[in-house]
C-alpha atoms as a PDB file:
ATOM      1  CA  MET A   1     -86.356  28.483 -89.129  1.00  0.00           C
ATOM      2  CA  LYS A   2     -83.043  29.920 -89.374  1.00  0.00           C
ATOM      3  CA  GLN A   3     -83.481  31.449 -86.053  1.00  0.00           C
ATOM      4  CA  LYS A   4     -84.453  28.146 -84.548  1.00  0.00           C
ATOM      5  CA  ASP A   5     -81.433  26.525 -86.108  1.00  0.00           C
ATOM      6  CA  GLU A   6     -79.325  29.240 -84.588  1.00  0.00           C
ATOM      7  CA  GLU A   7     -80.944  28.703 -81.250  1.00  0.00           C
ATOM      8  CA  HIS A   8     -80.462  24.990 -81.538  1.00  0.00           C
ATOM      9  CA  LYS A   9     -76.842  25.473 -82.494  1.00  0.00           C
ATOM     10  CA  SER A  10     -76.389  27.822 -79.588  1.00  0.00           C
ATOM     11  CA  VAL A  11     -78.058  25.348 -77.232  1.00  0.00           C
ATOM     12  CA  LEU A  12     -75.976  22.536 -78.720  1.00  0.00           C
ATOM     13  CA  VAL A  13     -72.758  24.533 -78.204  1.00  0.00           C
ATOM     14  CA  LYS A  14     -73.787  25.233 -74.633  1.00  0.00           C
ATOM     15  CA  MET A  15     -74.615  21.569 -74.099  1.00  0.00           C
ATOM     16  CA  GLU A  16     -71.292  20.492 -75.563  1.00  0.00           C
ATOM     17  CA  GLU A  17     -69.565  23.073 -73.395  1.00  0.00           C
ATOM     18  CA  SER A  18     -71.479  21.860 -70.367  1.00  0.00           C
ATOM     19  CA  PHE A  19     -70.713  18.248 -71.281  1.00  0.00           C
ATOM     20  CA  ALA A  20     -66.995  19.111 -71.639  1.00  0.00           C
ATOM     21  CA  ASN A  21     -67.077  20.857 -68.274  1.00  0.00           C
ATOM     22  CA  ALA A  22     -68.796  17.824 -66.750  1.00  0.00           C
ATOM     23  CA  ARG A  23     -66.131  15.540 -68.262  1.00  0.00           C
ATOM     24  CA  LEU A  24     -63.411  17.823 -66.913  1.00  0.00           C
ATOM     25  CA  ALA A  25     -65.083  17.881 -63.476  1.00  0.00           C
ATOM     26  CA  TYR A  26     -65.435  14.092 -63.626  1.00  0.00           C
ATOM     27  CA  ALA A  27     -61.751  13.720 -64.575  1.00  0.00           C
ATOM     28  CA  ASN A  28     -60.762  16.073 -61.736  1.00  0.00           C
ATOM     29  CA  MET A  29     -62.900  14.125 -59.273  1.00  0.00           C
ATOM     30  CA  MET A  30     -61.378  10.850 -60.481  1.00  0.00           C
ATOM     31  CA  ALA A  31     -57.885  12.331 -60.065  1.00  0.00           C
ATOM     32  CA  GLU A  32     -58.782  13.530 -56.555  1.00  0.00           C
ATOM     33  CA  ARG A  33     -60.203  10.100 -55.774  1.00  0.00           C
ATOM     34  CA  ASP A  34     -56.942   8.491 -56.943  1.00  0.00           C
ATOM     35  CA  VAL A  35     -54.957  10.950 -54.817  1.00  0.00           C
ATOM     36  CA  LEU A  36     -57.209  10.178 -51.854  1.00  0.00           C
ATOM     37  CA  LYS A  37     -56.823   6.430 -52.444  1.00  0.00           C
ATOM     38  CA  THR A  38     -53.047   6.861 -52.582  1.00  0.00           C
ATOM     39  CA  GLY A  39     -53.168   8.981 -49.415  1.00  0.00           C
ATOM     40  CA  GLU A  40     -55.411   6.407 -47.765  1.00  0.00           C
ATOM     41  CA  ALA A  41     -52.969   3.635 -48.722  1.00  0.00           C
ATOM     42  CA  ASP A  42     -50.083   5.732 -47.359  1.00  0.00           C
ATOM     43  CA  LEU A  43     -51.991   6.363 -44.147  1.00  0.00           C
ATOM     44  CA  LYS A  44     -52.822   2.671 -43.815  1.00  0.00           C
ATOM     45  CA  ALA A  45     -49.141   1.817 -44.367  1.00  0.00           C
ATOM     46  CA  GLN A  46     -48.108   4.408 -41.766  1.00  0.00           C
ATOM     47  CA  ILE A  47     -50.689   3.081 -39.296  1.00  0.00           C
ATOM     48  CA  GLU A  48     -49.494  -0.476 -39.908  1.00  0.00           C
ATOM     49  CA  GLU A  49     -45.875   0.606 -39.433  1.00  0.00           C
ATOM     50  CA  MET A  50     -46.803   2.444 -36.227  1.00  0.00           C
ATOM     51  CA  LYS A  51     -48.659  -0.666 -35.034  1.00  0.00           C
ATOM     52  CA  CYS A  52     -45.612  -2.837 -35.708  1.00  0.00           C
ATOM     53  CA  ASN A  53     -43.309  -0.329 -33.976  1.00  0.00           C
ATOM     54  CA  HIS A  54     -45.710  -0.115 -31.036  1.00  0.00           C
ATOM     55  CA  GLU A  55     -45.912  -3.898 -30.743  1.00  0.00           C
ATOM     56  CA  THR A  56     -42.110  -4.124 -30.956  1.00  0.00           C
ATOM     57  CA  GLU A  57     -41.779  -1.502 -28.221  1.00  0.00           C
ATOM     58  CA  ILE A  58     -44.336  -3.333 -26.061  1.00  0.00           C
ATOM     59  CA  GLU A  59     -42.432  -6.594 -26.508  1.00  0.00           C
ATOM     60  CA  GLY A  60     -39.206  -4.795 -25.603  1.00  0.00           C
ATOM     61  CA  PHE A  61     -40.831  -3.326 -22.494  1.00  0.00           C
ATOM     62  CA  LYS A  62     -42.174  -6.769 -21.552  1.00  0.00           C
ATOM     63  CA  ARG A  63     -38.698  -8.309 -21.898  1.00  0.00           C
ATOM     64  CA  GLU A  64     -37.178  -5.447 -19.906  1.00  0.00           C
ATOM     65  CA  ASN A  65     -39.906  -5.838 -17.280  1.00  0.00           C
ATOM     66  CA  THR A  66     -39.186  -9.569 -17.044  1.00  0.00           C
ATOM     67  CA  VAL A  67     -35.453  -8.893 -16.612  1.00  0.00           C
ATOM     68  CA  LEU A  68     -36.138  -6.226 -13.981  1.00  0.00           C
ATOM     69  CA  LYS A  69     -38.587  -8.498 -12.145  1.00  0.00           C
ATOM     70  CA  ALA A  70     -35.997 -11.288 -12.117  1.00  0.00           C
ATOM     71  CA  SER A  71     -33.433  -8.811 -10.816  1.00  0.00           C
ATOM     72  CA  VAL A  72     -35.787  -7.646  -8.058  1.00  0.00           C
ATOM     73  CA  ASP A  73     -36.592 -11.258  -7.165  1.00  0.00           C
ATOM     74  CA  ASP A  74     -32.872 -12.045  -7.031  1.00  0.00           C
ATOM     75  CA  LEU A  75     -32.211  -9.007  -4.833  1.00  0.00           C
ATOM     76  CA  GLN A  76     -35.094 -10.001  -2.537  1.00  0.00           C
ATOM     77  CA  ALA A  77     -33.734 -13.552  -2.300  1.00  0.00           C
ATOM     78  CA  THR A  78     -30.255 -12.168  -1.575  1.00  0.00           C
ATOM     79  CA  LYS A  79     -31.656  -9.865   1.108  1.00  0.00           C
ATOM     80  CA  THR A  80     -33.611 -12.738   2.640  1.00  0.00           C
ATOM     81  CA  TRP A  81     -30.515 -14.958   2.686  1.00  0.00           C
ATOM     82  CA  LEU A  82     -28.345 -12.176   4.133  1.00  0.00           C
ATOM     83  CA  PHE A  83     -30.771 -11.616   6.999  1.00  0.00           C
ATOM     84  CA  SER A  84     -31.773 -15.201   7.677  1.00  0.00           C
ATOM     85  CA  GLU A  85     -28.466 -17.002   7.159  1.00  0.00           C
ATOM     86  CA  GLY A  86     -25.678 -14.681   6.030  1.00  0.00           C
ATOM     87  CA  ALA A  87     -25.481 -12.501   9.142  1.00  0.00           C
ATOM     88  CA  GLN A  88     -25.663 -15.532  11.424  1.00  0.00           C
ATOM     89  CA  LEU A  89     -22.978 -17.256   9.390  1.00  0.00           C
ATOM     90  CA  LEU A  90     -20.831 -14.131   9.634  1.00  0.00           C
ATOM     91  CA  ALA A  91     -21.305 -13.978  13.409  1.00  0.00           C
ATOM     92  CA  LYS A  92     -20.484 -17.677  13.758  1.00  0.00           C
ATOM     93  CA  ASN A  93     -17.382 -17.271  11.618  1.00  0.00           C
ATOM     94  CA  ILE A  94     -16.285 -14.323  13.764  1.00  0.00           C
ATOM     95  CA  HIS A  95     -17.104 -16.244  16.920  1.00  0.00           C
ATOM     96  CA  LYS A  96     -15.234 -19.369  15.808  1.00  0.00           C
ATOM     97  CA  GLY A  97     -12.481 -17.543  13.900  1.00  0.00           C
ATOM     98  CA  ARG A  98      -8.791 -17.723  14.746  1.00  0.00           C
ATOM     99  CA  GLU A  99      -8.692 -14.068  15.720  1.00  0.00           C
ATOM    100  CA  MET A 100     -11.481 -14.400  18.319  1.00  0.00           C
ATOM    101  CA  THR A 101     -10.075 -17.692  19.584  1.00  0.00           C
ATOM    102  CA  ALA A 102      -6.560 -16.267  19.886  1.00  0.00           C
ATOM    103  CA  ALA A 103      -7.790 -13.115  21.669  1.00  0.00           C
ATOM    104  CA  VAL A 104      -9.941 -15.067  24.130  1.00  0.00           C
ATOM    105  CA  ALA A 105      -7.131 -17.567  24.717  1.00  0.00           C
ATOM    106  CA  ALA A 106      -4.649 -14.773  25.365  1.00  0.00           C
ATOM    107  CA  VAL A 107      -6.985 -13.114  27.894  1.00  0.00           C
ATOM    108  CA  ASN A 108      -7.805 -16.462  29.432  1.00  0.00           C
ATOM    109  CA  ASN A 109      -4.148 -17.418  29.751  1.00  0.00           C
ATOM    110  CA  ALA A 110      -3.274 -14.068  31.302  1.00  0.00           C
ATOM    111  CA  MET A 111      -6.196 -14.312  33.745  1.00  0.00           C
ATOM    112  CA  SER A 112      -5.275 -17.873  34.607  1.00  0.00           C
ATOM    113  CA  ALA A 113      -1.675 -16.966  35.269  1.00  0.00           C
ATOM    114  CA  ILE A 114      -2.712 -14.068  37.518  1.00  0.00           C
ATOM    115  CA  GLY A 115      -5.277 -16.221  39.275  1.00  0.00           C
ATOM    116  CA  VAL A 116      -2.917 -19.126  39.776  1.00  0.00           C
ATOM    117  CA  ASN A 117      -0.108 -16.913  41.043  1.00  0.00           C
ATOM    118  CA  SER A 118      -2.406 -14.921  43.279  1.00  0.00           C
ATOM    119  CA  GLY A 119      -4.093 -18.056  44.551  1.00  0.00           C
ATOM    120  CA  LEU A 120      -0.864 -19.857  45.243  1.00  0.00           C
ATOM    121  CA  HIS A 121       0.632 -16.823  46.923  1.00  0.00           C
ATOM    122  CA  ASN A 122      -2.415 -16.212  49.110  1.00  0.00           C
ATOM    123  CA  GLY A 123      -2.803 -19.889  49.856  1.00  0.00           C
ATOM    124  CA  TYR A 124       0.847 -20.217  50.778  1.00  0.00           C
ATOM    125  CA  LEU A 125       0.697 -17.139  53.035  1.00  0.00           C
ATOM    126  CA  HIS A 126      -2.511 -18.323  54.635  1.00  0.00           C
ATOM    127  CA  ALA A 127      -1.196 -21.789  55.222  1.00  0.00           C
ATOM    128  CA  LEU A 128       1.992 -20.430  56.738  1.00  0.00           C
ATOM    129  CA  LYS A 129       0.218 -18.002  59.058  1.00  0.00           C
ATOM    130  CA  LEU A 130      -2.377 -20.408  60.346  1.00  0.00           C
ATOM    131  CA  LYS A 131      -0.418 -23.600  59.999  1.00  0.00           C
ATOM    132  CA  THR A 132      -3.574 -24.992  58.317  1.00  0.00           C
ATOM    133  CA  PRO A 133      -3.516 -28.386  56.663  1.00  0.00           C
ATOM    134  CA  PHE A 134      -3.590 -28.220  52.825  1.00  0.00           C
ATOM    135  CA  VAL A 135      -7.128 -29.576  52.673  1.00  0.00           C
ATOM    136  CA  ALA A 136      -8.541 -26.730  54.774  1.00  0.00           C
ATOM    137  CA  ILE A 137      -7.173 -23.781  52.765  1.00  0.00           C
ATOM    138  CA  PRO A 138     -10.311 -21.617  52.275  1.00  0.00           C
ATOM    139  CA  LEU A 139      -9.735 -20.186  48.758  1.00  0.00           C
ATOM    140  CA  LEU A 140      -8.670 -23.465  47.179  1.00  0.00           C
ATOM    141  CA  ASN A 141     -11.196 -24.599  44.575  1.00  0.00           C
ATOM    142  CA  ARG A 142     -10.776 -28.128  43.340  1.00  0.00           C
ATOM    143  CA  ASN A 143     -13.647 -27.701  40.753  1.00  0.00           C
ATOM    144  CA  THR A 144     -11.863 -25.171  38.539  1.00  0.00           C
ATOM    145  CA  ALA A 145     -11.617 -27.594  35.590  1.00  0.00           C
ATOM    146  CA  GLU A 146     -15.409 -28.158  35.573  1.00  0.00           C
ATOM    147  CA  GLU A 147     -16.064 -24.431  35.903  1.00  0.00           C
ATOM    148  CA  LEU A 148     -13.706 -23.710  33.023  1.00  0.00           C
ATOM    149  CA  ASN A 149     -15.491 -26.314  30.867  1.00  0.00           C
ATOM    150  CA  ALA A 150     -18.869 -24.745  31.728  1.00  0.00           C
ATOM    151  CA  THR A 151     -17.523 -21.305  30.822  1.00  0.00           C
ATOM    152  CA  ILE A 152     -16.218 -22.612  27.488  1.00  0.00           C
ATOM    153  CA  ALA A 153     -19.576 -24.255  26.755  1.00  0.00           C
ATOM    154  CA  GLY A 154     -21.319 -20.959  27.542  1.00  0.00           C
ATOM    155  CA  PHE A 155     -18.976 -19.108  25.194  1.00  0.00           C
ATOM    156  CA  ASP A 156     -19.562 -21.671  22.420  1.00  0.00           C
ATOM    157  CA  SER A 157     -23.331 -21.285  22.718  1.00  0.00           C
ATOM    158  CA  LEU A 158     -23.151 -17.490  22.817  1.00  0.00           C
ATOM    159  CA  VAL A 159     -26.110 -15.875  21.022  1.00  0.00           C
ATOM    160  CA  PHE A 160     -25.925 -12.452  19.369  1.00  0.00           C
ATOM    161  CA  PRO A 161     -29.393 -10.884  19.648  1.00  0.00           C
ATOM    162  CA  VAL A 162     -28.646  -8.340  16.917  1.00  0.00           C
ATOM    163  CA  VAL A 163     -27.968 -11.217  14.507  1.00  0.00           C
ATOM    164  CA  GLU A 164     -30.903 -13.301  15.714  1.00  0.00           C
ATOM    165  CA  ASP A 165     -33.299 -10.370  15.152  1.00  0.00           C
ATOM    166  CA  LEU A 166     -32.116  -9.622  11.588  1.00  0.00           C
ATOM    167  CA  PRO A 167     -34.614 -11.952   9.856  1.00  0.00           C
ATOM    168  CA  LYS A 168     -37.436  -9.838  11.319  1.00  0.00           C
ATOM    169  CA  LEU A 169     -36.162  -6.883   9.245  1.00  0.00           C
ATOM    170  CA  ILE A 170     -36.373  -8.560   5.815  1.00  0.00           C
ATOM    171  CA  ASN A 171     -39.307  -6.475   4.565  1.00  0.00           C
ATOM    172  CA  GLU A 172     -38.265  -3.232   6.239  1.00  0.00           C
ATOM    173  CA  PRO A 173     -36.753  -0.284   4.341  1.00  0.00           C
ATOM    174  CA  LEU A 174     -33.037   0.379   4.585  1.00  0.00           C
ATOM    175  CA  SER A 175     -33.549   3.254   7.048  1.00  0.00           C
ATOM    176  CA  LYS A 176     -35.247   0.883   9.561  1.00  0.00           C
ATOM    177  CA  ILE A 177     -32.500  -1.710   9.070  1.00  0.00           C
ATOM    178  CA  LYS A 178     -29.784   0.875   9.707  1.00  0.00           C
ATOM    179  CA  GLU A 179     -31.662   2.127  12.768  1.00  0.00           C
ATOM    180  CA  ALA A 180     -31.919  -1.420  14.157  1.00  0.00           C
ATOM    181  CA  LEU A 181     -28.226  -2.069  13.577  1.00  0.00           C
ATOM    182  CA  THR A 182     -27.054   1.259  15.019  1.00  0.00           C
ATOM    183  CA  PHE A 183     -27.144   0.362  18.695  1.00  0.00           C
ATOM    184  CA  ALA A 184     -23.596   0.993  19.924  1.00  0.00           C
ATOM    185  CA  ASN A 185     -24.157   4.546  21.174  1.00  0.00           C
ATOM    186  CA  SER A 186     -27.887   4.476  21.865  1.00  0.00           C
ATOM    187  CA  GLY A 187     -30.398   3.503  24.512  1.00  0.00           C
ATOM    188  CA  SER A 188     -28.371   1.340  26.867  1.00  0.00           C
ATOM    189  CA  SER A 189     -25.824   3.856  28.113  1.00  0.00           C
ATOM    190  CA  GLU A 190     -24.494   3.173  31.543  1.00  0.00           C
ATOM    191  CA  GLY A 191     -23.700   6.063  33.767  1.00  0.00           C
END
């Protein structure tokens, strides 16, 4: 019996040792579980923070996109106005401006003076040579006032094709617009 008691004691010691090891393993597993739970909570917090940052960035990009879209719309409206009204307004202001009026008046006055002097001189010489009555002088034009008024009306209704065609270029790239406006030394050279 003693031997059985010894065996039982030995088995009991082994069982207690095994039980202690199981408790230690259980405690280690519980500690690992707690570490994993803490890590999981940290990961969830990091994911939530990343989500918030991502949503904030998306909102920022949306606001920036809205501002850029408004800017593009404003530029498109400006471009449309420049081509449809601005260029025509500029041409009309140039056409009706003091500088253009003064230059045309100066040329007109000079031409009139030359024409009047030349006409009077030629008419006087012709009348003297032929002893023609005043009514029959061939170069005398009594409709000059009406012709001048018609010329002025034609000048006032002058159309600039390059300005009139600008609205057609609204949706064209800048290179096409520049090409359409660069006409001074191209195509219609006289020689």
